[in-house]
């Protein structure tokens, strides 16, 4: 499943050299320039990254899981990232643990490149896998993100692993793959709640692959049970702390409100919400505010809001690379061009995959690329959308681009071979 046994030497060498160079560039960046890429301040604690760090510190000092207030238990973030940080800090110290965590992110980011190769190989062939790996290594946000202290790198790795296991599980219909998938799904959920409805993608693949209803019910029960077991410590903690069933978080209200304003401009159809000190109660006021705006503003201008939600916000999600800092003096505009090319060529590649599926040139599991794109676009549309949320998914366009490039290279070498002096017609 993860082996390179049987691969040609040039493929093994290309993978090893590419990942090694990528690893060294990332490692140098985080060790020398890591602190330059903090998004917030350790004085003001004014951004997600420094709040995650403070949450880890509080876990170590007080054994309390907090976020906004160090004296108040929270359910507004998933626990994965602060707990991982706290683990490194318990070994290397509060500040040394931050550096160790960044090095850890370099390691799993390098492993993510390998997973992209494996997915490309499994869905198509080794050439597509190698091209995908190289394009991913050249995508500068992949080198920049290990510097930041957010969920992107870990989620990126876990999601790739989940997709790879999903492909094997659907193709082979082996119980062990589904159990592994349930475990990874649960762990991924501890970092980002947006993964919660991922089984919808699996259900569609089951239908494409003509699974029986009996098998679908059986596997659903098994995966759900495994997922629930992994998530249960978090769910039990939330019930004990807040006296209510909270499977993920209570943090959707504010992003829901902010994302509802056209062009994120609160001057358009603004309606004030009530502010209270209790953050759980505040969540209720956010949602009530959204309901009021929906009834009194949105339904009166349906076309404007339909365009905003379905078109404009989808574009906002995908159009920019997640490159908020500058490394190796490479400007954002250069990365923007590369990003745009990946989106355009990748979309062409996915269209080619769809046609190839219809013509039975590609396996039905290759359609997972479409489903991932649609799933995460739809799941983010109700909220604020921007490049940070699409970054862990750009690999689907990279694989789509690789499908196109592999075909172009094959045609080039074929024409070169046919035009050579020794070629016989």
Protein backbone atom coordinates (compact mmCIF):
# COMPACT_ATOMS: atom_id res chain seq x y z
CA UNK A 1 0.00 0.00 0.00
CA UNK A 2 2.79 2.42 0.90
CA UNK A 3 5.68 0.56 -0.72
CA UNK A 4 7.80 1.54 -3.73
CA UNK A 5 8.70 -2.07 -4.38
CA UNK A 6 8.40 -2.78 -8.07
CA UNK A 7 8.80 0.86 -9.11
CA UNK A 8 11.46 1.69 -11.68
CA UNK A 9 14.72 3.10 -10.27
CA UNK A 10 14.21 6.54 -11.84
CA UNK A 11 10.87 6.87 -10.07
CA UNK A 12 12.29 5.87 -6.68
CA UNK A 13 15.25 8.20 -7.15
CA UNK A 14 13.07 11.11 -8.25
CA UNK A 15 10.82 10.67 -5.22
CA UNK A 16 13.73 10.42 -2.78
CA UNK A 17 15.61 13.42 -4.22
CA UNK A 18 12.51 15.62 -4.51
CA UNK A 19 11.31 14.96 -0.97
CA UNK A 20 14.83 15.34 0.45
CA UNK A 21 15.35 18.74 -1.19
CA UNK A 22 11.87 19.86 -0.11
CA UNK A 23 12.54 18.71 3.47
CA UNK A 24 15.85 20.60 3.67
CA UNK A 25 14.34 23.82 2.30
CA UNK A 26 11.45 23.60 4.78
CA UNK A 27 13.72 22.74 7.69
CA UNK A 28 16.02 25.68 6.99
CA UNK A 29 13.02 27.99 6.72
CA UNK A 30 11.42 27.03 10.03
CA UNK A 31 14.70 27.01 11.96
CA UNK A 32 15.99 30.34 10.64
CA UNK A 33 12.85 32.30 9.80
CA UNK A 34 10.03 30.54 11.67
CA UNK A 35 9.28 33.31 14.17
CA UNK A 36 9.09 35.87 11.36
CA UNK A 37 5.84 34.27 10.21
CA UNK A 38 3.78 34.64 13.36
CA UNK A 39 0.38 36.05 12.44
CA UNK A 40 -0.33 37.40 15.92
CA UNK A 41 1.45 38.85 18.94
CA UNK A 42 2.39 37.07 22.16
CA UNK A 43 1.66 40.34 23.93
CA UNK A 44 -1.84 40.95 22.55
CA UNK A 45 -2.77 37.34 21.66
CA UNK A 46 -4.65 38.78 18.72
CA UNK A 47 -4.68 35.92 16.21
CA UNK A 48 -5.44 32.22 15.99
CA UNK A 49 -1.82 31.04 16.01
CA UNK A 50 -0.79 32.72 19.28
CA UNK A 51 -4.11 31.74 20.86
CA UNK A 52 -3.41 28.10 19.99
CA UNK A 53 0.00 28.41 21.65
CA UNK A 54 -1.51 30.03 24.73
CA UNK A 55 -4.08 27.23 24.84
CA UNK A 56 -1.23 24.68 24.90
CA UNK A 57 0.56 26.62 27.65
CA UNK A 58 -2.61 26.68 29.75
CA UNK A 59 -3.05 22.94 29.26
CA UNK A 60 0.42 22.40 30.68
CA UNK A 61 0.04 24.86 33.56
CA UNK A 62 -3.56 24.33 34.64
CA UNK A 63 -4.82 21.24 32.85
CA UNK A 64 -7.69 23.31 31.41
CA UNK A 65 -8.55 23.48 27.72
CA UNK A 66 -9.05 27.18 26.92
CA UNK A 67 -8.93 29.57 23.98
CA UNK A 68 -10.34 33.11 24.37
CA UNK A 69 -9.88 33.28 28.15
CA UNK A 70 -7.20 31.35 30.06
CA UNK A 71 -9.61 30.97 33.00
CA UNK A 72 -12.55 29.67 30.98
CA UNK A 73 -12.98 26.21 29.44
CA UNK A 74 -13.72 26.39 25.75
CA UNK A 75 -15.64 24.46 23.13
CA UNK A 76 -14.93 26.94 20.33
CA UNK A 77 -11.95 25.12 18.84
CA UNK A 78 -11.16 21.46 18.29
CA UNK A 79 -8.57 20.10 20.73
CA UNK A 80 -6.12 18.45 18.31
CA UNK A 81 -3.64 21.24 17.69
CA UNK A 82 -3.23 22.54 21.28
CA UNK A 83 -2.79 18.98 22.57
CA UNK A 84 -0.11 18.19 19.98
CA UNK A 85 1.68 21.45 20.79
CA UNK A 86 1.43 20.74 24.50
CA UNK A 87 3.04 17.34 23.91
CA UNK A 88 6.08 18.93 22.29
CA UNK A 89 6.22 21.65 24.96
CA UNK A 90 6.20 19.07 27.74
CA UNK A 91 9.43 17.67 26.26
CA UNK A 92 11.22 20.73 24.84
CA UNK A 93 9.83 23.54 27.00
CA UNK A 94 7.27 26.21 26.24
CA UNK A 95 9.37 28.03 23.65
CA UNK A 96 11.51 25.13 22.45
CA UNK A 97 8.30 23.18 21.93
CA UNK A 98 7.19 25.72 19.33
CA UNK A 99 10.34 25.09 17.28
CA UNK A 100 9.99 21.33 17.74
CA UNK A 101 6.38 21.56 16.58
CA UNK A 102 7.48 23.41 13.44
CA UNK A 103 10.08 20.70 12.72
CA UNK A 104 7.32 18.10 13.21
CA UNK A 105 5.24 19.98 10.64
CA UNK A 106 8.16 19.82 8.20
CA UNK A 107 8.27 16.05 8.64
CA UNK A 108 4.57 15.48 8.04
CA UNK A 109 4.53 18.01 5.19
CA UNK A 110 7.23 15.95 3.50
CA UNK A 111 5.17 12.81 4.11
CA UNK A 112 2.21 14.61 2.54
CA UNK A 113 4.19 14.87 -0.72
CA UNK A 114 4.65 11.12 -0.64
CA UNK A 115 0.93 10.60 -0.04
CA UNK A 116 0.15 12.82 -3.05
CA UNK A 117 2.41 10.57 -5.14
CA UNK A 118 0.65 7.48 -3.79
CA UNK A 119 -2.82 8.88 -4.54
CA UNK A 120 -1.78 9.89 -8.07
CA UNK A 121 -0.28 6.45 -8.63
CA UNK A 122 -3.31 4.59 -7.30
CA UNK A 123 -5.83 6.62 -9.27
CA UNK A 124 -3.81 6.80 -12.50
CA UNK A 125 -0.19 5.70 -12.75
CA UNK A 126 3.29 6.31 -11.34
CA UNK A 127 4.08 9.08 -13.85
CA UNK A 128 1.06 11.09 -12.70
CA UNK A 129 2.14 10.44 -9.11
CA UNK A 130 5.69 11.70 -9.70
CA UNK A 131 4.53 14.81 -11.57
CA UNK A 132 2.07 15.55 -8.75
CA UNK A 133 4.82 15.21 -6.16
CA UNK A 134 7.14 17.58 -8.04
CA UNK A 135 4.41 20.18 -8.64
CA UNK A 136 3.53 20.01 -4.93
CA UNK A 137 7.17 20.48 -3.91
CA UNK A 138 7.37 23.55 -6.16
CA UNK A 139 4.17 25.04 -4.72
CA UNK A 140 5.65 27.55 -2.28
CA UNK A 141 2.75 27.61 0.22
CA UNK A 142 3.73 24.01 1.01
CA UNK A 143 7.11 25.31 2.18
CA UNK A 144 5.66 28.35 3.96
CA UNK A 145 2.88 26.66 5.96
CA UNK A 146 5.16 24.61 8.30
CA UNK A 147 6.26 27.98 9.71
CA UNK A 148 2.77 28.90 10.93
CA UNK A 149 1.09 27.52 14.04
CA UNK A 150 -2.30 26.59 12.63
CA UNK A 151 -4.16 23.38 11.73
CA UNK A 152 -3.37 23.51 7.99
CA UNK A 153 -0.33 21.23 7.84
CA UNK A 154 -1.68 18.50 10.11
CA UNK A 155 -5.12 18.57 8.49
CA UNK A 156 -3.47 18.46 5.04
CA UNK A 157 -1.56 15.30 5.99
CA UNK A 158 -4.47 13.57 7.75
CA UNK A 159 -6.87 14.34 4.93
CA UNK A 160 -4.50 12.96 2.30
CA UNK A 161 -4.10 9.81 4.40
CA UNK A 162 -7.88 9.53 4.76
CA UNK A 163 -8.41 9.88 1.01
CA UNK A 164 -5.74 7.29 0.23
CA UNK A 165 -7.29 4.79 2.65
CA UNK A 166 -10.74 5.58 1.22
CA UNK A 167 -9.58 4.73 -2.30
CA UNK A 168 -8.20 1.37 -1.16
CA UNK A 169 -11.26 0.65 0.96
CA UNK A 170 -13.72 1.32 -1.87
CA UNK A 171 -11.69 -0.57 -4.47
CA UNK A 172 -10.87 -3.60 -2.30
CA UNK A 173 -13.92 -3.66 0.02
CA UNK A 174 -11.80 -4.87 2.94
CA UNK A 175 -13.02 -4.34 6.48
CA UNK A 176 -9.54 -3.48 7.77
CA UNK A 177 -9.33 -0.48 5.42
CA UNK A 178 -12.70 0.81 6.61
CA UNK A 179 -11.68 0.46 10.27
CA UNK A 180 -8.44 2.33 9.51
CA UNK A 181 -10.45 4.98 7.68
CA UNK A 182 -12.78 5.40 10.67
CA UNK A 183 -9.78 5.91 12.97
CA UNK A 184 -8.19 8.50 10.68
CA UNK A 185 -11.56 10.22 10.17
CA UNK A 186 -11.95 10.55 13.94
CA UNK A 187 -8.42 11.90 14.43
CA UNK A 188 -8.93 14.37 11.57
CA UNK A 189 -12.18 15.51 13.19
CA UNK A 190 -10.24 16.46 16.31
CA UNK A 191 -8.47 19.10 14.22
CA UNK A 192 -11.22 20.38 11.93
CA UNK A 193 -14.98 19.83 12.23
CA UNK A 194 -15.51 20.39 8.49
CA UNK A 195 -14.50 16.76 7.93
CA UNK A 196 -17.60 15.53 9.76
CA UNK A 197 -19.76 14.96 6.67
CA UNK A 198 -16.94 13.31 4.66
CA UNK A 199 -18.82 9.95 4.63
CA UNK A 200 -21.10 11.52 2.00
CA UNK A 201 -18.16 11.25 -0.41
CA UNK A 202 -17.74 7.58 0.50
CA UNK A 203 -21.46 6.95 -0.01
CA UNK A 204 -21.30 8.37 -3.54
CA UNK A 205 -18.29 6.18 -4.32
CA UNK A 206 -20.18 3.16 -3.02
CA UNK A 207 -23.03 3.93 -5.40
CA UNK A 208 -20.61 4.34 -8.34
CA UNK A 209 -18.99 1.02 -7.44
CA UNK A 210 -22.35 -0.75 -7.07
CA UNK A 211 -22.07 -1.70 -3.41
CA UNK A 212 -25.12 -3.57 -2.10
CA UNK A 213 -27.44 -1.83 0.36
CA UNK A 214 -26.58 -4.48 2.96
CA UNK A 215 -22.85 -3.79 2.64
CA UNK A 216 -23.39 -0.03 2.83
CA UNK A 217 -25.41 -0.34 6.05
CA UNK A 218 -22.88 -2.71 7.62
CA UNK A 219 -19.88 -0.55 6.74
CA UNK A 220 -21.68 2.63 7.84
CA UNK A 221 -22.30 1.14 11.27
CA UNK A 222 -18.69 -0.02 11.60
CA UNK A 223 -17.10 3.27 10.49
CA UNK A 224 -19.53 5.35 12.58
CA UNK A 225 -18.74 3.26 15.66
CA UNK A 226 -14.99 3.60 15.20
CA UNK A 227 -15.32 7.34 14.53
CA UNK A 228 -17.47 7.80 17.64
CA UNK A 229 -14.98 5.89 19.79
CA UNK A 230 -12.13 8.15 18.67
CA UNK A 231 -14.20 11.28 19.26
CA UNK A 232 -15.78 10.09 22.53
CA UNK A 233 -13.26 11.61 24.98
CA UNK A 234 -13.93 15.04 23.43
CA UNK A 235 -17.70 14.56 23.39
CA UNK A 236 -17.78 13.30 27.00
CA UNK A 237 -15.61 16.22 28.13
CA UNK A 238 -17.98 18.68 26.45
CA UNK A 239 -21.01 17.11 28.08
CA UNK A 240 -19.42 17.20 31.53
CA UNK A 241 -18.25 20.79 31.10
CA UNK A 242 -21.25 22.34 29.32
CA UNK A 243 -24.08 19.90 30.17
CA UNK A 244 -25.02 19.40 26.55
CA UNK A 245 -24.16 17.19 23.59
CA UNK A 246 -21.53 18.96 21.49
CA UNK A 247 -19.89 16.61 18.95
CA UNK A 248 -17.57 19.22 17.47
CA UNK A 249 -17.58 22.92 18.44
CA UNK A 250 -19.83 25.91 19.11
CA UNK A 251 -18.03 28.38 16.90
CA UNK A 252 -20.09 28.65 13.73
CA UNK A 253 -22.25 31.65 14.65
CA UNK A 254 -19.79 34.49 14.11
CA UNK A 255 -18.35 33.11 10.82
CA UNK A 256 -21.94 32.51 9.70
CA UNK A 257 -22.81 36.18 10.33
CA UNK A 258 -19.61 37.55 8.81
CA UNK A 259 -19.96 35.35 5.76
CA UNK A 260 -23.51 36.53 5.10
CA UNK A 261 -22.53 40.11 4.27
CA UNK A 262 -22.07 40.70 0.54
CA UNK A 263 -18.39 41.34 -0.19
CA UNK A 264 -17.92 41.02 3.60
CA UNK A 265 -19.16 44.60 3.87
CA UNK A 266 -21.21 45.01 7.05
CA UNK A 267 -22.64 48.28 5.79
CA UNK A 268 -24.82 46.26 3.41
CA UNK A 269 -28.02 45.13 5.15
CA UNK A 270 -26.46 45.47 8.59
CA UNK A 271 -28.40 44.43 11.68
CA UNK A 272 -26.67 44.65 15.10
CA UNK A 273 -26.37 41.60 17.31
CA UNK A 274 -26.46 41.56 21.08
CA UNK A 275 -23.17 40.93 22.90
CA UNK A 276 -23.00 39.00 26.18
CA UNK A 277 -20.13 37.68 28.30
CA UNK A 278 -21.28 34.06 28.15
CA UNK A 279 -19.78 32.71 24.92
CA UNK A 280 -22.23 29.81 24.68
CA UNK A 281 -25.14 32.23 24.97
CA UNK A 282 -23.40 34.53 22.48
CA UNK A 283 -23.56 31.75 19.91
CA UNK A 284 -27.36 31.78 20.20
CA UNK A 285 -27.49 35.54 19.59
CA UNK A 286 -25.33 35.18 16.48
CA UNK A 287 -27.68 32.58 15.03
CA UNK A 288 -30.78 34.60 15.93
CA UNK A 289 -29.21 37.59 14.19
CA UNK A 290 -28.63 35.52 11.06
CA UNK A 291 -32.23 34.29 11.08
CA UNK A 292 -33.47 37.90 11.33
CA UNK A 293 -31.26 39.06 8.45
CA UNK A 294 -32.38 36.11 6.35
CA UNK A 295 -36.08 36.91 6.85
CA UNK A 296 -35.84 40.68 6.48
CA UNK A 297 -32.96 41.24 4.02
CA UNK A 298 -31.86 38.15 2.10
CA UNK A 299 -35.26 36.99 0.89
CA UNK A 300 -35.96 40.50 -0.40
CA UNK A 301 -32.84 40.45 -2.62
CA UNK A 302 -32.54 36.78 -3.54
CA UNK A 303 -30.53 37.19 -6.74
CA UNK A 304 -27.84 39.30 -5.07
CA UNK A 305 -27.46 36.83 -2.22
CA UNK A 306 -27.59 33.76 -4.46
CA UNK A 307 -24.77 35.25 -6.53
CA UNK A 308 -22.81 36.08 -3.38
CA UNK A 309 -23.14 32.62 -1.87
CA UNK A 310 -22.91 30.38 -4.90
CA UNK A 311 -20.50 32.27 -7.15
CA UNK A 312 -18.59 35.01 -5.36
CA UNK A 313 -17.80 33.08 -2.19
CA UNK A 314 -16.73 30.00 -4.15
CA UNK A 315 -14.29 32.17 -6.10
CA UNK A 316 -13.04 33.74 -2.85
CA UNK A 317 -12.35 30.27 -1.49
CA UNK A 318 -10.14 29.14 -4.36
CA UNK A 319 -8.72 32.13 -6.22
CA UNK A 320 -5.70 33.00 -4.04
CA UNK A 321 -2.83 30.89 -2.71
CA UNK A 322 -2.39 30.62 1.05
CA UNK A 323 0.88 32.56 1.13
CA UNK A 324 0.57 35.31 3.72
CA UNK A 325 4.30 35.71 4.32
CA UNK A 326 7.29 35.92 2.02
CA UNK A 327 10.11 33.39 2.00
CA UNK A 328 13.26 33.36 -0.12
CA UNK A 329 12.22 36.84 -1.37
CA UNK A 330 9.61 35.25 -3.63
CA UNK A 331 6.72 37.66 -4.09
CA UNK A 332 3.04 36.79 -3.81
CA UNK A 333 2.42 37.71 -7.46
CA UNK A 334 4.71 34.91 -8.68
CA UNK A 335 2.93 32.33 -6.54
CA UNK A 336 -0.41 33.72 -7.66
CA UNK A 337 0.45 32.95 -11.30
CA UNK A 338 1.51 29.39 -10.44
CA UNK A 339 -1.64 28.94 -8.36
CA UNK A 340 -3.85 30.18 -11.22
CA UNK A 341 -2.17 27.80 -13.67
CA UNK A 342 -2.80 24.88 -11.32
CA UNK A 343 -6.47 25.81 -11.05
CA UNK A 344 -6.99 26.23 -14.79
CA UNK A 345 -4.99 23.22 -15.99
CA UNK A 346 -6.24 21.16 -13.05
CA UNK A 347 -9.85 21.91 -14.02
CA UNK A 348 -9.06 20.77 -17.57
CA UNK A 349 -7.51 17.64 -16.12
CA UNK A 350 -10.58 16.87 -14.03
CA UNK A 351 -12.77 17.28 -17.10
CA UNK A 352 -10.47 14.81 -18.87
CA UNK A 353 -10.82 12.44 -15.91
CA UNK A 354 -14.60 12.62 -16.10
CA UNK A 355 -14.57 11.86 -19.83
CA UNK A 356 -12.07 9.07 -19.20
CA UNK A 357 -14.34 7.61 -16.53
CA UNK A 358 -17.25 7.61 -18.97
CA UNK A 359 -15.08 5.85 -21.53
CA UNK A 360 -13.83 3.42 -18.85
CA UNK A 361 -10.22 4.62 -19.22
CA UNK A 362 -10.10 5.62 -15.54
CA UNK A 363 -11.37 3.94 -12.40
CA UNK A 364 -14.52 5.27 -10.79
CA UNK A 365 -12.54 6.14 -7.65
CA UNK A 366 -10.85 8.91 -9.67
CA UNK A 367 -14.15 10.78 -9.34
CA UNK A 368 -13.22 11.38 -5.71
CA UNK A 369 -11.37 14.48 -6.92
CA UNK A 370 -14.64 16.06 -8.11
CA UNK A 371 -16.40 15.07 -4.93
CA UNK A 372 -13.72 16.59 -2.68
CA UNK A 373 -13.88 19.85 -4.62
CA UNK A 374 -17.67 19.99 -4.43
CA UNK A 375 -17.87 18.87 -0.80
CA UNK A 376 -15.46 21.41 0.63
CA UNK A 377 -16.75 24.24 -1.53
CA UNK A 378 -20.31 23.60 -0.38
CA UNK A 379 -19.38 23.05 3.28
CA UNK A 380 -17.51 26.38 3.46
CA UNK A 381 -19.98 28.51 1.49
CA UNK A 382 -22.21 29.44 4.47
CA UNK A 383 -19.24 30.92 6.32
CA UNK A 384 -16.29 33.20 5.62
CA UNK A 385 -14.33 31.81 2.68
CA UNK A 386 -10.69 32.54 1.91
CA UNK A 387 -7.45 30.85 0.90
CA UNK A 388 -6.63 29.35 4.29
CA UNK A 389 -9.56 26.95 3.99
CA UNK A 390 -8.86 25.81 0.43
CA UNK A 391 -5.11 25.34 0.91
CA UNK A 392 -5.25 21.72 2.19
CA UNK A 393 -7.24 20.81 -0.93
CA UNK A 394 -5.12 22.36 -3.69
CA UNK A 395 -3.57 18.93 -4.31
CA UNK A 396 -6.71 17.85 -6.17
CA UNK A 397 -5.93 20.48 -8.82
CA UNK A 398 -2.27 19.45 -8.76
CA UNK A 399 -3.24 15.87 -9.61
CA UNK A 400 -5.62 17.15 -12.31
CA UNK A 401 -2.76 19.22 -13.75
CA UNK A 402 -0.49 16.17 -13.64
CA UNK A 403 -2.98 14.13 -15.68
CA UNK A 404 -2.78 16.80 -18.41
CA UNK A 405 1.02 17.10 -18.25
CA UNK A 406 1.47 13.34 -18.38
CA UNK A 407 -0.58 13.22 -21.59
CA UNK A 408 1.37 16.15 -23.07
CA UNK A 409 4.70 14.49 -22.24
CA UNK A 410 3.56 11.19 -23.73
CA UNK A 411 2.54 12.92 -26.97
CA UNK A 412 5.87 14.81 -27.05
CA UNK A 413 8.00 11.68 -26.63
CA UNK A 414 5.84 9.77 -29.10
CA UNK A 415 6.22 12.46 -31.76
CA UNK A 416 9.96 12.71 -31.02
CA UNK A 417 10.31 8.95 -31.41
CA UNK A 418 8.34 8.93 -34.68
CA UNK A 419 10.46 11.75 -36.12
CA UNK A 420 13.76 10.08 -35.24
CA UNK A 421 15.91 8.85 -38.24
CA UNK A 422 15.69 5.20 -37.21
CA UNK A 423 11.91 5.14 -36.94
CA UNK A 424 10.16 2.95 -39.48
CA UNK A 425 6.71 3.82 -40.82
